[in-house]
Amino acid sequence: MKNSSFKVKTSLAEYSVEVFSEFILKEEVKVQRELFLKMCKEGCVNYGKKFSCPPCSRDFLSVVNGKEGIFVVMFLMNLTKIDSTEYNKVRIANSIMKSRADKLMRVLENKFNTKFLSTGSCRLCRTCQLKLKKPCKHPEKRRYSLESTGVDCDYLSTRLFNLPLLWFRNKKAPEYTCVLTGLACNASEVSSISQELESLLKNIS
């Protein structure tokens, strides 16, 4: 397990983001596609409204086809250090982490000629063309989140980093929140990917 961090300065404050990374073979990833499809259908407003989300998303093994596993990168922010309302703490953290995680992973996938699994639903278009009953504008850039392909992210973060996912409950922000992404790759590429990740984190802002 690798552990790094970077700082993000805004007009209001400076925030610290911890970064964890680890490789896992695809057969060791816990996948429960039918369960997550059911959960999305019953509890997510984006179900059936975005090309990147269930039921349109692909299954995990088809995304990593031809690769031995995924290089998982997790961003984490300590919410107790954010001075805001309980709900805004989570919103601030997500806005900081998700855009930067996606940007970083796109650089890595281009560098290593592969694909990455994103954080949450696709954010390339303000309104997904699926809602307008039109074809996707950016099918070559569209990426699916780990959870939309059926991956149990709580299992992944706990197994790899000993950090279970925490949730906003009873109008109270958890101690920390995190986002997970994964880069499809082979074990032989992990050292090079780790080095490239460290280099990218030095210039992230």
C-alpha atoms as a PDB file:
ATOM      1  CA  MET A   1       0.000   0.000   0.000  1.00  0.00           C
ATOM      2  CA  LYS A   2       1.261   3.443  -0.934  1.00  0.00           C
ATOM      3  CA  ASN A   3       0.209   6.536   0.983  1.00  0.00           C
ATOM      4  CA  SER A   4       0.708  10.089  -0.264  1.00  0.00           C
ATOM      5  CA  SER A   5      -1.078  13.404   0.053  1.00  0.00           C
ATOM      6  CA  PHE A   6      -1.533  16.741  -1.654  1.00  0.00           C
ATOM      7  CA  LYS A   7      -2.913  20.170  -0.766  1.00  0.00           C
ATOM      8  CA  VAL A   8      -5.707  22.074  -2.478  1.00  0.00           C
ATOM      9  CA  LYS A   9      -6.034  25.823  -1.943  1.00  0.00           C
ATOM     10  CA  THR A  10      -9.354  27.572  -2.514  1.00  0.00           C
ATOM     11  CA  SER A  11     -10.495  31.134  -1.842  1.00  0.00           C
ATOM     12  CA  LEU A  12     -11.779  29.988   1.543  1.00  0.00           C
ATOM     13  CA  ALA A  13      -9.244  27.504   2.863  1.00  0.00           C
ATOM     14  CA  GLU A  14      -6.500  24.965   2.224  1.00  0.00           C
ATOM     15  CA  TYR A  15      -7.505  21.313   2.252  1.00  0.00           C
ATOM     16  CA  SER A  16      -5.458  18.139   2.540  1.00  0.00           C
ATOM     17  CA  VAL A  17      -6.235  15.031   0.500  1.00  0.00           C
ATOM     18  CA  GLU A  18      -4.707  11.660   1.364  1.00  0.00           C
ATOM     19  CA  VAL A  19      -3.997   9.239  -1.479  1.00  0.00           C
ATOM     20  CA  PHE A  20      -3.835   5.456  -1.156  1.00  0.00           C
ATOM     21  CA  SER A  21      -3.050   2.988  -3.923  1.00  0.00           C
ATOM     22  CA  GLU A  22      -2.783  -0.770  -4.327  1.00  0.00           C
ATOM     23  CA  PHE A  23      -3.096  -3.440  -7.007  1.00  0.00           C
ATOM     24  CA  ILE A  24      -5.621  -6.269  -6.786  1.00  0.00           C
ATOM     25  CA  LEU A  25      -6.208  -9.205  -9.118  1.00  0.00           C
ATOM     26  CA  LYS A  26      -9.608  -9.111 -10.812  1.00  0.00           C
ATOM     27  CA  GLU A  27     -10.658 -12.487  -9.395  1.00  0.00           C
ATOM     28  CA  GLU A  28     -10.132 -11.087  -5.892  1.00  0.00           C
ATOM     29  CA  VAL A  29     -12.470  -8.134  -6.486  1.00  0.00           C
ATOM     30  CA  LYS A  30     -15.873  -8.678  -4.891  1.00  0.00           C
ATOM     31  CA  VAL A  31     -18.511  -8.145  -7.577  1.00  0.00           C
ATOM     32  CA  GLN A  32     -22.252  -8.195  -6.876  1.00  0.00           C
ATOM     33  CA  ARG A  33     -23.717  -6.728 -10.035  1.00  0.00           C
ATOM     34  CA  GLU A  34     -27.318  -7.849  -9.538  1.00  0.00           C
ATOM     35  CA  LEU A  35     -27.360  -6.497  -5.983  1.00  0.00           C
ATOM     36  CA  PHE A  36     -25.993  -3.121  -7.026  1.00  0.00           C
ATOM     37  CA  LEU A  37     -28.359  -2.913  -9.993  1.00  0.00           C
ATOM     38  CA  LYS A  38     -31.223  -3.461  -7.560  1.00  0.00           C
ATOM     39  CA  MET A  39     -29.869  -0.880  -5.102  1.00  0.00           C
ATOM     40  CA  CYS A  40     -29.417   1.701  -7.864  1.00  0.00           C
ATOM     41  CA  LYS A  41     -32.902   1.064  -9.247  1.00  0.00           C
ATOM     42  CA  GLU A  42     -34.503   1.478  -5.843  1.00  0.00           C
ATOM     43  CA  GLY A  43     -32.399   4.295  -4.429  1.00  0.00           C
ATOM     44  CA  CYS A  44     -30.681   6.408  -7.099  1.00  0.00           C
ATOM     45  CA  VAL A  45     -32.272   9.252  -9.064  1.00  0.00           C
ATOM     46  CA  ASN A  46     -29.845   8.628 -11.939  1.00  0.00           C
ATOM     47  CA  TYR A  47     -31.039   5.079 -12.594  1.00  0.00           C
ATOM     48  CA  GLY A  48     -31.870   4.773 -16.281  1.00  0.00           C
ATOM     49  CA  LYS A  49     -31.034   8.434 -16.869  1.00  0.00           C
ATOM     50  CA  LYS A  50     -27.305   8.329 -17.579  1.00  0.00           C
ATOM     51  CA  PHE A  51     -25.328   6.241 -20.035  1.00  0.00           C
ATOM     52  CA  SER A  52     -22.670   5.678 -17.373  1.00  0.00           C
ATOM     53  CA  CYS A  53     -25.107   4.336 -14.776  1.00  0.00           C
ATOM     54  CA  PRO A  54     -27.174   1.145 -14.414  1.00  0.00           C
ATOM     55  CA  PRO A  55     -28.759  -0.396 -16.312  1.00  0.00           C
ATOM     56  CA  CYS A  56     -26.555   1.008 -19.123  1.00  0.00           C
ATOM     57  CA  SER A  57     -23.210   0.426 -17.415  1.00  0.00           C
ATOM     58  CA  ARG A  58     -21.062  -2.571 -18.291  1.00  0.00           C
ATOM     59  CA  ASP A  59     -20.098  -5.353 -15.909  1.00  0.00           C
ATOM     60  CA  PHE A  60     -16.707  -5.243 -14.203  1.00  0.00           C
ATOM     61  CA  LEU A  61     -15.048  -8.161 -15.993  1.00  0.00           C
ATOM     62  CA  SER A  62     -15.897  -6.781 -19.432  1.00  0.00           C
ATOM     63  CA  VAL A  63     -14.243  -3.463 -18.544  1.00  0.00           C
ATOM     64  CA  VAL A  64     -10.993  -5.082 -17.353  1.00  0.00           C
ATOM     65  CA  ASN A  65     -11.003  -7.744 -20.069  1.00  0.00           C
ATOM     66  CA  GLY A  66      -7.463  -8.636 -21.124  1.00  0.00           C
ATOM     67  CA  LYS A  67      -5.895  -7.289 -17.917  1.00  0.00           C
ATOM     68  CA  GLU A  68      -4.952  -9.140 -14.738  1.00  0.00           C
ATOM     69  CA  GLY A  69      -6.543  -6.691 -12.326  1.00  0.00           C
ATOM     70  CA  ILE A  70      -6.898  -3.071 -11.304  1.00  0.00           C
ATOM     71  CA  PHE A  71      -4.613  -0.512  -9.729  1.00  0.00           C
ATOM     72  CA  VAL A  72      -6.920   1.082  -7.166  1.00  0.00           C
ATOM     73  CA  VAL A  73      -6.435   4.737  -6.227  1.00  0.00           C
ATOM     74  CA  MET A  74      -8.379   6.166  -3.302  1.00  0.00           C
ATOM     75  CA  PHE A  75      -8.640   9.842  -2.316  1.00  0.00           C
ATOM     76  CA  LEU A  76      -9.639  10.555   1.284  1.00  0.00           C
ATOM     77  CA  MET A  77     -10.461  13.757   3.159  1.00  0.00           C
ATOM     78  CA  ASN A  78     -10.861  14.196   6.910  1.00  0.00           C
ATOM     79  CA  LEU A  79     -14.197  16.015   7.282  1.00  0.00           C
ATOM     80  CA  THR A  80     -13.559  17.050  10.889  1.00  0.00           C
ATOM     81  CA  LYS A  81     -11.039  19.568   9.548  1.00  0.00           C
ATOM     82  CA  ILE A  82     -13.507  21.280   7.194  1.00  0.00           C
ATOM     83  CA  ASP A  83     -15.223  24.334   8.648  1.00  0.00           C
ATOM     84  CA  SER A  84     -18.744  24.235   7.230  1.00  0.00           C
ATOM     85  CA  THR A  85     -22.194  22.750   7.793  1.00  0.00           C
ATOM     86  CA  GLU A  86     -22.370  18.981   8.143  1.00  0.00           C
ATOM     87  CA  TYR A  87     -23.824  18.413   4.672  1.00  0.00           C
ATOM     88  CA  ASN A  88     -21.518  20.932   2.991  1.00  0.00           C
ATOM     89  CA  LYS A  89     -18.472  19.155   4.392  1.00  0.00           C
ATOM     90  CA  VAL A  90     -19.295  16.165   2.207  1.00  0.00           C
ATOM     91  CA  ARG A  91     -20.117  18.332  -0.817  1.00  0.00           C
ATOM     92  CA  ILE A  92     -16.853  20.272  -0.517  1.00  0.00           C
ATOM     93  CA  ALA A  93     -14.820  17.083  -0.221  1.00  0.00           C
ATOM     94  CA  ASN A  94     -16.529  15.429  -3.189  1.00  0.00           C
ATOM     95  CA  SER A  95     -16.119  18.483  -5.412  1.00  0.00           C
ATOM     96  CA  ILE A  96     -12.406  18.592  -4.592  1.00  0.00           C
ATOM     97  CA  MET A  97     -11.706  14.890  -4.941  1.00  0.00           C
ATOM     98  CA  LYS A  98     -13.869  13.640  -7.806  1.00  0.00           C
ATOM     99  CA  SER A  99     -12.738  16.081 -10.497  1.00  0.00           C
ATOM    100  CA  ARG A 100      -9.078  15.647  -9.580  1.00  0.00           C
ATOM    101  CA  ALA A 101      -9.327  11.877  -9.391  1.00  0.00           C
ATOM    102  CA  ASP A 102     -10.880  11.700 -12.853  1.00  0.00           C
ATOM    103  CA  LYS A 103      -8.287  14.067 -14.316  1.00  0.00           C
ATOM    104  CA  LEU A 104      -5.430  12.081 -12.810  1.00  0.00           C
ATOM    105  CA  MET A 105      -6.810   8.744 -13.992  1.00  0.00           C
ATOM    106  CA  ARG A 106      -7.288   9.981 -17.548  1.00  0.00           C
ATOM    107  CA  VAL A 107      -3.593  10.861 -17.649  1.00  0.00           C
ATOM    108  CA  LEU A 108      -2.688   7.406 -16.351  1.00  0.00           C
ATOM    109  CA  GLU A 109      -4.943   5.560 -18.802  1.00  0.00           C
ATOM    110  CA  ASN A 110      -3.455   7.491 -21.735  1.00  0.00           C
ATOM    111  CA  LYS A 111       0.068   6.848 -20.488  1.00  0.00           C
ATOM    112  CA  PHE A 112      -0.497   3.104 -20.106  1.00  0.00           C
ATOM    113  CA  ASN A 113      -2.977   2.595 -22.961  1.00  0.00           C
ATOM    114  CA  THR A 114      -5.801   1.205 -20.854  1.00  0.00           C
ATOM    115  CA  LYS A 115      -9.133   2.241 -19.280  1.00  0.00           C
ATOM    116  CA  PHE A 116     -10.062   3.440 -15.820  1.00  0.00           C
ATOM    117  CA  LEU A 117     -13.123   3.014 -13.645  1.00  0.00           C
ATOM    118  CA  SER A 118     -14.352   6.339 -12.338  1.00  0.00           C
ATOM    119  CA  THR A 119     -15.996   7.844  -9.243  1.00  0.00           C
ATOM    120  CA  GLY A 120     -19.757   8.130  -9.471  1.00  0.00           C
ATOM    121  CA  SER A 121     -21.689   8.984 -12.602  1.00  0.00           C
ATOM    122  CA  CYS A 122     -20.204  10.553 -15.741  1.00  0.00           C
ATOM    123  CA  ARG A 123     -19.864  14.339 -15.584  1.00  0.00           C
ATOM    124  CA  LEU A 124     -18.796  15.105 -19.165  1.00  0.00           C
ATOM    125  CA  CYS A 125     -22.152  16.655 -20.117  1.00  0.00           C
ATOM    126  CA  ARG A 126     -24.355  18.895 -17.999  1.00  0.00           C
ATOM    127  CA  THR A 127     -27.384  16.903 -19.144  1.00  0.00           C
ATOM    128  CA  CYS A 128     -26.831  13.326 -20.246  1.00  0.00           C
ATOM    129  CA  GLN A 129     -28.134  12.738 -23.763  1.00  0.00           C
ATOM    130  CA  LEU A 130     -29.961   9.660 -22.512  1.00  0.00           C
ATOM    131  CA  LYS A 131     -32.480  11.959 -20.823  1.00  0.00           C
ATOM    132  CA  LEU A 132     -33.050  13.599 -24.195  1.00  0.00           C
ATOM    133  CA  LYS A 133     -33.317  10.210 -25.922  1.00  0.00           C
ATOM    134  CA  LYS A 134     -30.212  10.975 -27.988  1.00  0.00           C
ATOM    135  CA  PRO A 135     -26.921   9.077 -28.486  1.00  0.00           C
ATOM    136  CA  CYS A 136     -24.012   9.740 -26.110  1.00  0.00           C
ATOM    137  CA  LYS A 137     -21.902  12.717 -27.246  1.00  0.00           C
ATOM    138  CA  HIS A 138     -18.640  11.253 -25.941  1.00  0.00           C
ATOM    139  CA  PRO A 139     -18.801   7.436 -26.016  1.00  0.00           C
ATOM    140  CA  GLU A 140     -15.012   7.223 -26.344  1.00  0.00           C
ATOM    141  CA  LYS A 141     -14.517   9.334 -23.197  1.00  0.00           C
ATOM    142  CA  ARG A 142     -17.372   7.930 -21.108  1.00  0.00           C
ATOM    143  CA  ARG A 143     -16.221   5.931 -18.109  1.00  0.00           C
ATOM    144  CA  TYR A 144     -18.136   3.783 -15.623  1.00  0.00           C
ATOM    145  CA  SER A 145     -17.717   3.944 -11.879  1.00  0.00           C
ATOM    146  CA  LEU A 146     -16.535   0.905  -9.947  1.00  0.00           C
ATOM    147  CA  GLU A 147     -19.888   0.573  -8.188  1.00  0.00           C
ATOM    148  CA  SER A 148     -21.901   0.872 -11.423  1.00  0.00           C
ATOM    149  CA  THR A 149     -20.126  -2.241 -12.735  1.00  0.00           C
ATOM    150  CA  GLY A 150     -21.052  -4.153  -9.586  1.00  0.00           C
ATOM    151  CA  VAL A 151     -17.852  -3.742  -7.560  1.00  0.00           C
ATOM    152  CA  ASP A 152     -18.294  -3.657  -3.772  1.00  0.00           C
ATOM    153  CA  CYS A 153     -16.251  -0.529  -2.999  1.00  0.00           C
ATOM    154  CA  ASP A 154     -16.598  -0.911   0.757  1.00  0.00           C
ATOM    155  CA  TYR A 155     -15.018  -4.352   0.532  1.00  0.00           C
ATOM    156  CA  LEU A 156     -12.293  -2.937  -1.714  1.00  0.00           C
ATOM    157  CA  SER A 157     -11.377  -0.008   0.545  1.00  0.00           C
ATOM    158  CA  THR A 158     -11.482  -2.167   3.671  1.00  0.00           C
ATOM    159  CA  ARG A 159      -9.446  -5.007   2.213  1.00  0.00           C
ATOM    160  CA  LEU A 160      -6.793  -2.878   0.539  1.00  0.00           C
ATOM    161  CA  PHE A 161      -6.513   0.071   2.930  1.00  0.00           C
ATOM    162  CA  ASN A 162      -8.270  -1.021   6.128  1.00  0.00           C
ATOM    163  CA  LEU A 163     -10.556   1.990   5.694  1.00  0.00           C
ATOM    164  CA  PRO A 164     -14.282   1.165   5.408  1.00  0.00           C
ATOM    165  CA  LEU A 165     -16.537   3.592   3.594  1.00  0.00           C
ATOM    166  CA  LEU A 166     -18.416   5.956   5.904  1.00  0.00           C
ATOM    167  CA  TRP A 167     -21.721   7.668   5.118  1.00  0.00           C
ATOM    168  CA  PHE A 168     -23.670  10.823   5.908  1.00  0.00           C
ATOM    169  CA  ARG A 169     -26.318   9.699   8.422  1.00  0.00           C
ATOM    170  CA  ASN A 170     -28.736  11.427  10.783  1.00  0.00           C
ATOM    171  CA  LYS A 171     -27.672  14.819   9.399  1.00  0.00           C
ATOM    172  CA  LYS A 172     -24.138  14.188  10.631  1.00  0.00           C
ATOM    173  CA  ALA A 173     -21.010  14.063   8.473  1.00  0.00           C
ATOM    174  CA  PRO A 174     -18.721  11.057   9.020  1.00  0.00           C
ATOM    175  CA  GLU A 175     -15.128  11.401  10.190  1.00  0.00           C
ATOM    176  CA  TYR A 176     -13.888  11.089   6.609  1.00  0.00           C
ATOM    177  CA  THR A 177     -15.140  10.518   3.109  1.00  0.00           C
ATOM    178  CA  CYS A 178     -13.379   8.991   0.126  1.00  0.00           C
ATOM    179  CA  VAL A 179     -13.642   8.231  -3.584  1.00  0.00           C
ATOM    180  CA  LEU A 180     -12.213   5.182  -5.338  1.00  0.00           C
ATOM    181  CA  THR A 181     -11.041   4.711  -8.906  1.00  0.00           C
ATOM    182  CA  GLY A 182      -9.353   1.791 -10.631  1.00  0.00           C
ATOM    183  CA  LEU A 183      -6.990   1.456 -13.583  1.00  0.00           C
ATOM    184  CA  ALA A 184      -7.161  -1.814 -15.516  1.00  0.00           C
ATOM    185  CA  CYS A 185      -3.620  -3.173 -15.744  1.00  0.00           C
ATOM    186  CA  ASN A 186      -1.281  -6.135 -15.325  1.00  0.00           C
ATOM    187  CA  ALA A 187       0.843  -6.819 -12.263  1.00  0.00           C
ATOM    188  CA  SER A 188       4.028  -6.148 -14.242  1.00  0.00           C
ATOM    189  CA  GLU A 189       2.892  -2.542 -14.821  1.00  0.00           C
ATOM    190  CA  VAL A 190       2.230  -1.663 -11.182  1.00  0.00           C
ATOM    191  CA  SER A 191       5.707  -0.307 -10.390  1.00  0.00           C
ATOM    192  CA  SER A 192       5.650   2.046 -13.386  1.00  0.00           C
ATOM    193  CA  ILE A 193       2.090   3.162 -12.639  1.00  0.00           C
ATOM    194  CA  SER A 194       3.002   3.863  -8.996  1.00  0.00           C
ATOM    195  CA  GLN A 195       5.951   5.987 -10.064  1.00  0.00           C
ATOM    196  CA  GLU A 196       3.834   7.931 -12.540  1.00  0.00           C
ATOM    197  CA  LEU A 197       1.151   8.470  -9.894  1.00  0.00           C
ATOM    198  CA  GLU A 198       3.701   9.905  -7.468  1.00  0.00           C
ATOM    199  CA  SER A 199       4.963  12.253 -10.155  1.00  0.00           C
ATOM    200  CA  LEU A 200       1.449  13.451 -11.019  1.00  0.00           C
ATOM    201  CA  LEU A 201       0.552  14.058  -7.385  1.00  0.00           C
ATOM    202  CA  LYS A 202       3.436  16.538  -7.069  1.00  0.00           C
ATOM    203  CA  ASN A 203       1.744  18.819  -9.589  1.00  0.00           C
ATOM    204  CA  ILE A 204      -1.905  18.297  -8.750  1.00  0.00           C
ATOM    205  CA  SER A 205      -3.821  21.389  -7.608  1.00  0.00           C
END
